[in-house]
Amino acid sequence: MSNRLKVTPNDLSAFWMPFTANRQFKQAPRMMVSAKDMHYTTSDGRKVLDGTAGLWCVNAGHCRPKITEAIQHQAAELDYAPAFQMGHPIVFELANRLVDLAPKGMDHV
């Protein structure tokens, strides 16, 4: 399957993009079809620096094998557990690790 993406106005009408000038975007779409490390790849093959780290969600870079494998492993075990009257051991482990890193007195995550 090619990373090239054919885009027509009808393809773009169903999705409203928050914090985006939708009419302008849909007249001249800027499509990202993949990412690796700190760059996106556009539908025409150009590399674009991801200066905001995917809105601060991929600070270690896009598609890092170790992170991808950890995500796949966890999703195969339990993909989501809401923190409303139930929990998962890993979230408590993470909270304790963060508390250990935080300044004294900051003991809740």
N, C-alpha and C. Protein backbone atom coordinates (compact mmCIF):
# COMPACT_ATOMS: atom_id res chain seq x y z
N MET A 1 0.84 -1.19 0.00
CA MET A 1 0.00 0.00 0.00
C MET A 1 0.89 1.25 0.00
N SER A 2 0.59 2.16 -0.85
CA SER A 2 1.39 3.37 -0.99
C SER A 2 1.02 4.39 0.08
N ASN A 3 2.01 5.19 0.47
CA ASN A 3 1.74 6.29 1.40
C ASN A 3 1.12 7.47 0.69
N ARG A 4 1.07 7.44 -0.62
CA ARG A 4 0.45 8.53 -1.38
C ARG A 4 -1.04 8.54 -1.07
N LEU A 5 -1.60 9.71 -0.95
CA LEU A 5 -3.01 9.84 -0.60
C LEU A 5 -3.69 10.73 -1.61
N LYS A 6 -4.72 10.20 -2.24
CA LYS A 6 -5.49 11.01 -3.17
C LYS A 6 -6.56 11.74 -2.36
N VAL A 7 -6.64 13.04 -2.55
CA VAL A 7 -7.55 13.86 -1.77
C VAL A 7 -8.46 14.63 -2.70
N THR A 8 -9.75 14.54 -2.44
CA THR A 8 -10.73 15.36 -3.16
C THR A 8 -11.55 16.09 -2.12
N PRO A 9 -12.22 17.20 -2.49
CA PRO A 9 -13.04 17.91 -1.50
C PRO A 9 -14.05 17.01 -0.80
N ASN A 10 -14.62 16.03 -1.49
CA ASN A 10 -15.59 15.14 -0.84
C ASN A 10 -14.93 14.31 0.25
N ASP A 11 -13.66 13.96 0.06
CA ASP A 11 -12.95 13.18 1.06
C ASP A 11 -12.76 13.96 2.36
N LEU A 12 -12.76 15.27 2.27
CA LEU A 12 -12.43 16.10 3.42
C LEU A 12 -13.64 16.67 4.15
N SER A 13 -14.82 16.52 3.60
CA SER A 13 -15.98 17.22 4.15
C SER A 13 -16.50 16.64 5.47
N ALA A 14 -16.26 15.39 5.75
CA ALA A 14 -16.86 14.75 6.92
C ALA A 14 -16.12 15.05 8.23
N PHE A 15 -14.89 15.51 8.15
CA PHE A 15 -14.10 15.70 9.37
C PHE A 15 -13.85 17.18 9.61
N TRP A 16 -14.28 17.65 10.78
CA TRP A 16 -14.04 19.04 11.19
C TRP A 16 -12.79 19.04 12.05
N MET A 17 -11.83 19.88 11.71
CA MET A 17 -10.55 19.92 12.40
C MET A 17 -10.55 21.05 13.43
N PRO A 18 -10.44 20.73 14.72
CA PRO A 18 -10.45 21.78 15.74
C PRO A 18 -9.22 22.68 15.61
N PHE A 19 -9.38 23.93 15.99
CA PHE A 19 -8.30 24.92 15.97
C PHE A 19 -7.66 25.06 14.59
N THR A 20 -8.46 24.87 13.55
CA THR A 20 -7.97 24.92 12.17
C THR A 20 -8.95 25.73 11.34
N ALA A 21 -8.42 26.54 10.44
CA ALA A 21 -9.27 27.23 9.47
C ALA A 21 -9.68 26.19 8.43
N ASN A 22 -10.81 25.53 8.69
CA ASN A 22 -11.21 24.37 7.89
C ASN A 22 -11.38 24.67 6.41
N ARG A 23 -12.03 25.76 6.07
CA ARG A 23 -12.24 26.06 4.64
C ARG A 23 -10.90 26.23 3.92
N GLN A 24 -9.99 26.97 4.55
CA GLN A 24 -8.68 27.18 3.93
C GLN A 24 -7.90 25.87 3.84
N PHE A 25 -7.95 25.08 4.90
CA PHE A 25 -7.23 23.80 4.87
C PHE A 25 -7.76 22.92 3.75
N LYS A 26 -9.06 22.85 3.64
CA LYS A 26 -9.66 21.94 2.66
C LYS A 26 -9.47 22.42 1.23
N GLN A 27 -9.18 23.71 1.05
CA GLN A 27 -8.84 24.22 -0.29
C GLN A 27 -7.41 23.85 -0.67
N ALA A 28 -6.53 23.77 0.29
CA ALA A 28 -5.12 23.43 0.04
C ALA A 28 -4.62 22.55 1.18
N PRO A 29 -5.08 21.29 1.23
CA PRO A 29 -4.75 20.42 2.37
C PRO A 29 -3.26 20.13 2.48
N ARG A 30 -2.81 20.09 3.72
CA ARG A 30 -1.44 19.70 4.04
C ARG A 30 -1.54 18.35 4.76
N MET A 31 -1.35 17.29 4.02
CA MET A 31 -1.53 15.94 4.56
C MET A 31 -0.21 15.32 4.97
N MET A 32 -0.17 14.79 6.17
CA MET A 32 0.96 14.03 6.66
C MET A 32 0.55 12.56 6.61
N VAL A 33 1.36 11.72 5.98
CA VAL A 33 0.97 10.32 5.80
C VAL A 33 1.79 9.35 6.65
N SER A 34 2.90 9.83 7.19
CA SER A 34 3.70 8.97 8.07
C SER A 34 4.63 9.87 8.89
N ALA A 35 5.33 9.24 9.82
CA ALA A 35 6.29 9.98 10.63
C ALA A 35 7.36 9.02 11.12
N LYS A 36 8.56 9.55 11.31
CA LYS A 36 9.67 8.78 11.86
C LYS A 36 10.58 9.74 12.60
N ASP A 37 10.91 9.39 13.82
CA ASP A 37 11.76 10.23 14.66
C ASP A 37 11.15 11.62 14.79
N MET A 38 11.82 12.67 14.34
CA MET A 38 11.28 14.02 14.55
C MET A 38 10.70 14.63 13.28
N HIS A 39 10.38 13.80 12.28
CA HIS A 39 9.84 14.32 11.03
C HIS A 39 8.54 13.63 10.63
N TYR A 40 7.63 14.42 10.10
CA TYR A 40 6.47 13.90 9.38
C TYR A 40 6.89 13.74 7.92
N THR A 41 6.15 12.91 7.18
CA THR A 41 6.31 12.83 5.73
C THR A 41 4.98 13.22 5.12
N THR A 42 5.03 14.14 4.15
CA THR A 42 3.82 14.62 3.50
C THR A 42 3.38 13.64 2.42
N SER A 43 2.17 13.84 1.91
CA SER A 43 1.64 12.95 0.88
C SER A 43 2.45 13.02 -0.41
N ASP A 44 3.23 14.09 -0.60
CA ASP A 44 4.09 14.16 -1.79
C ASP A 44 5.55 13.82 -1.47
N GLY A 45 5.79 13.23 -0.29
CA GLY A 45 7.11 12.70 0.04
C GLY A 45 8.07 13.64 0.73
N ARG A 46 7.67 14.87 1.03
CA ARG A 46 8.56 15.81 1.71
C ARG A 46 8.64 15.50 3.20
N LYS A 47 9.80 15.77 3.80
CA LYS A 47 9.98 15.64 5.25
C LYS A 47 9.70 16.99 5.88
N VAL A 48 8.93 16.98 6.98
CA VAL A 48 8.58 18.21 7.70
C VAL A 48 8.94 18.00 9.17
N LEU A 49 9.71 18.93 9.73
CA LEU A 49 10.08 18.85 11.13
C LEU A 49 8.85 18.99 12.01
N ASP A 50 8.66 18.06 12.94
CA ASP A 50 7.55 18.14 13.89
C ASP A 50 8.03 18.94 15.10
N GLY A 51 7.93 20.25 14.99
CA GLY A 51 8.44 21.14 16.02
C GLY A 51 7.69 21.12 17.33
N THR A 52 6.48 20.57 17.35
CA THR A 52 5.72 20.50 18.60
C THR A 52 5.61 19.08 19.14
N ALA A 53 6.38 18.16 18.60
CA ALA A 53 6.37 16.76 19.06
C ALA A 53 4.95 16.22 19.12
N GLY A 54 4.22 16.37 18.02
CA GLY A 54 2.85 15.86 17.97
C GLY A 54 1.99 16.44 19.07
N LEU A 55 2.10 17.74 19.28
CA LEU A 55 1.44 18.43 20.39
C LEU A 55 1.87 17.83 21.73
N TRP A 56 3.16 17.61 21.85
CA TRP A 56 3.80 17.17 23.09
C TRP A 56 3.44 15.73 23.47
N CYS A 57 3.03 14.93 22.50
CA CYS A 57 2.68 13.53 22.78
C CYS A 57 3.78 12.56 22.37
N VAL A 58 4.72 13.01 21.56
CA VAL A 58 5.77 12.11 21.08
C VAL A 58 7.14 12.77 21.27
N ASN A 59 7.42 13.18 22.49
CA ASN A 59 8.68 13.88 22.78
C ASN A 59 9.91 13.04 22.46
N ALA A 60 9.79 11.73 22.50
CA ALA A 60 10.93 10.85 22.18
C ALA A 60 11.01 10.57 20.69
N GLY A 61 10.10 11.12 19.90
CA GLY A 61 10.10 10.91 18.46
C GLY A 61 9.00 9.96 18.02
N HIS A 62 8.67 10.05 16.75
CA HIS A 62 7.61 9.20 16.17
C HIS A 62 8.13 7.80 15.86
N CYS A 63 7.28 6.82 16.06
CA CYS A 63 7.49 5.44 15.59
C CYS A 63 8.79 4.82 16.09
N ARG A 64 9.15 5.10 17.33
CA ARG A 64 10.35 4.49 17.91
C ARG A 64 10.04 3.02 18.21
N PRO A 65 10.85 2.08 17.71
CA PRO A 65 10.53 0.66 17.86
C PRO A 65 10.28 0.22 19.31
N LYS A 66 11.10 0.66 20.26
CA LYS A 66 10.91 0.24 21.65
C LYS A 66 9.57 0.73 22.20
N ILE A 67 9.20 1.95 21.86
CA ILE A 67 7.92 2.52 22.33
C ILE A 67 6.76 1.83 21.63
N THR A 68 6.88 1.62 20.32
CA THR A 68 5.83 0.93 19.56
C THR A 68 5.58 -0.46 20.11
N GLU A 69 6.66 -1.19 20.41
CA GLU A 69 6.53 -2.54 20.97
C GLU A 69 5.85 -2.50 22.34
N ALA A 70 6.21 -1.54 23.18
CA ALA A 70 5.59 -1.43 24.51
C ALA A 70 4.10 -1.13 24.39
N ILE A 71 3.74 -0.26 23.45
CA ILE A 71 2.32 0.06 23.23
C ILE A 71 1.57 -1.17 22.75
N GLN A 72 2.16 -1.90 21.79
CA GLN A 72 1.51 -3.11 21.28
C GLN A 72 1.33 -4.15 22.38
N HIS A 73 2.36 -4.33 23.20
CA HIS A 73 2.29 -5.30 24.30
C HIS A 73 1.17 -4.94 25.27
N GLN A 74 1.11 -3.68 25.68
CA GLN A 74 0.09 -3.26 26.63
C GLN A 74 -1.30 -3.35 26.02
N ALA A 75 -1.46 -2.95 24.76
CA ALA A 75 -2.77 -3.00 24.11
C ALA A 75 -3.27 -4.43 23.98
N ALA A 76 -2.36 -5.39 23.84
CA ALA A 76 -2.76 -6.79 23.75
C ALA A 76 -3.21 -7.34 25.10
N GLU A 77 -2.74 -6.72 26.19
CA GLU A 77 -3.12 -7.15 27.54
C GLU A 77 -4.38 -6.42 28.01
N LEU A 78 -4.35 -5.10 27.95
CA LEU A 78 -5.49 -4.27 28.33
C LEU A 78 -5.29 -2.92 27.67
N ASP A 79 -6.16 -2.60 26.74
CA ASP A 79 -5.95 -1.36 25.98
C ASP A 79 -6.40 -0.12 26.73
N TYR A 80 -7.40 -0.22 27.59
CA TYR A 80 -7.88 0.95 28.31
C TYR A 80 -8.65 0.51 29.55
N ALA A 81 -8.39 1.17 30.65
CA ALA A 81 -9.15 0.96 31.88
C ALA A 81 -9.42 2.34 32.47
N PRO A 82 -10.66 2.81 32.45
CA PRO A 82 -10.94 4.14 33.00
C PRO A 82 -10.67 4.15 34.50
N ALA A 83 -10.25 5.30 34.99
CA ALA A 83 -9.92 5.42 36.41
C ALA A 83 -11.14 5.81 37.24
N PHE A 84 -12.29 5.31 36.85
CA PHE A 84 -13.52 5.57 37.59
C PHE A 84 -13.95 4.26 38.26
N GLN A 85 -13.63 4.11 39.53
CA GLN A 85 -14.01 2.98 40.36
C GLN A 85 -13.38 1.66 39.91
N MET A 86 -12.29 1.73 39.15
CA MET A 86 -11.51 0.55 38.80
C MET A 86 -10.10 1.02 38.46
N GLY A 87 -9.19 0.10 38.38
CA GLY A 87 -7.81 0.49 38.07
C GLY A 87 -7.06 -0.63 37.40
N HIS A 88 -5.81 -0.36 37.10
CA HIS A 88 -4.90 -1.34 36.51
C HIS A 88 -3.56 -1.18 37.23
N PRO A 89 -2.89 -2.27 37.56
CA PRO A 89 -1.65 -2.17 38.33
C PRO A 89 -0.61 -1.24 37.71
N ILE A 90 -0.52 -1.19 36.40
CA ILE A 90 0.52 -0.38 35.76
C ILE A 90 0.33 1.10 36.02
N VAL A 91 -0.90 1.58 36.10
CA VAL A 91 -1.10 3.00 36.35
C VAL A 91 -0.61 3.38 37.75
N PHE A 92 -0.77 2.49 38.71
CA PHE A 92 -0.26 2.74 40.06
C PHE A 92 1.27 2.67 40.09
N GLU A 93 1.83 1.74 39.33
CA GLU A 93 3.29 1.65 39.23
C GLU A 93 3.85 2.95 38.64
N LEU A 94 3.23 3.44 37.57
CA LEU A 94 3.69 4.69 36.96
C LEU A 94 3.55 5.85 37.94
N ALA A 95 2.42 5.94 38.63
CA ALA A 95 2.22 7.03 39.59
C ALA A 95 3.30 7.02 40.66
N ASN A 96 3.63 5.85 41.18
CA ASN A 96 4.68 5.76 42.20
C ASN A 96 6.05 6.14 41.65
N ARG A 97 6.34 5.77 40.42
CA ARG A 97 7.61 6.15 39.80
C ARG A 97 7.68 7.66 39.61
N LEU A 98 6.57 8.28 39.20
CA LEU A 98 6.55 9.73 39.04
C LEU A 98 6.71 10.45 40.37
N VAL A 99 6.05 9.94 41.41
CA VAL A 99 6.18 10.53 42.75
C VAL A 99 7.63 10.45 43.21
N ASP A 100 8.31 9.33 42.92
CA ASP A 100 9.72 9.19 43.29
C ASP A 100 10.60 10.25 42.61
N LEU A 101 10.21 10.68 41.42
CA LEU A 101 10.98 11.68 40.67
C LEU A 101 10.62 13.11 41.06
N ALA A 102 9.44 13.29 41.63
CA ALA A 102 8.94 14.64 41.93
C ALA A 102 9.60 15.21 43.19
N PRO A 103 9.58 16.53 43.33
CA PRO A 103 10.10 17.16 44.55
C PRO A 103 9.32 16.69 45.78
N LYS A 104 9.96 16.75 46.92
CA LYS A 104 9.34 16.34 48.19
C LYS A 104 8.03 17.12 48.38
N GLY A 105 7.01 16.41 48.83
CA GLY A 105 5.71 17.02 49.07
C GLY A 105 4.75 16.87 47.89
N MET A 106 5.28 16.57 46.73
CA MET A 106 4.41 16.33 45.56
C MET A 106 4.25 14.82 45.45
N ASP A 107 3.20 14.31 46.10
CA ASP A 107 3.08 12.86 46.22
C ASP A 107 1.80 12.28 45.63
N HIS A 108 1.15 13.04 44.76
CA HIS A 108 -0.04 12.53 44.07
C HIS A 108 0.06 12.85 42.58
N VAL A 109 -0.38 11.93 41.78
CA VAL A 109 -0.38 12.13 40.33
C VAL A 109 -1.82 12.12 39.85
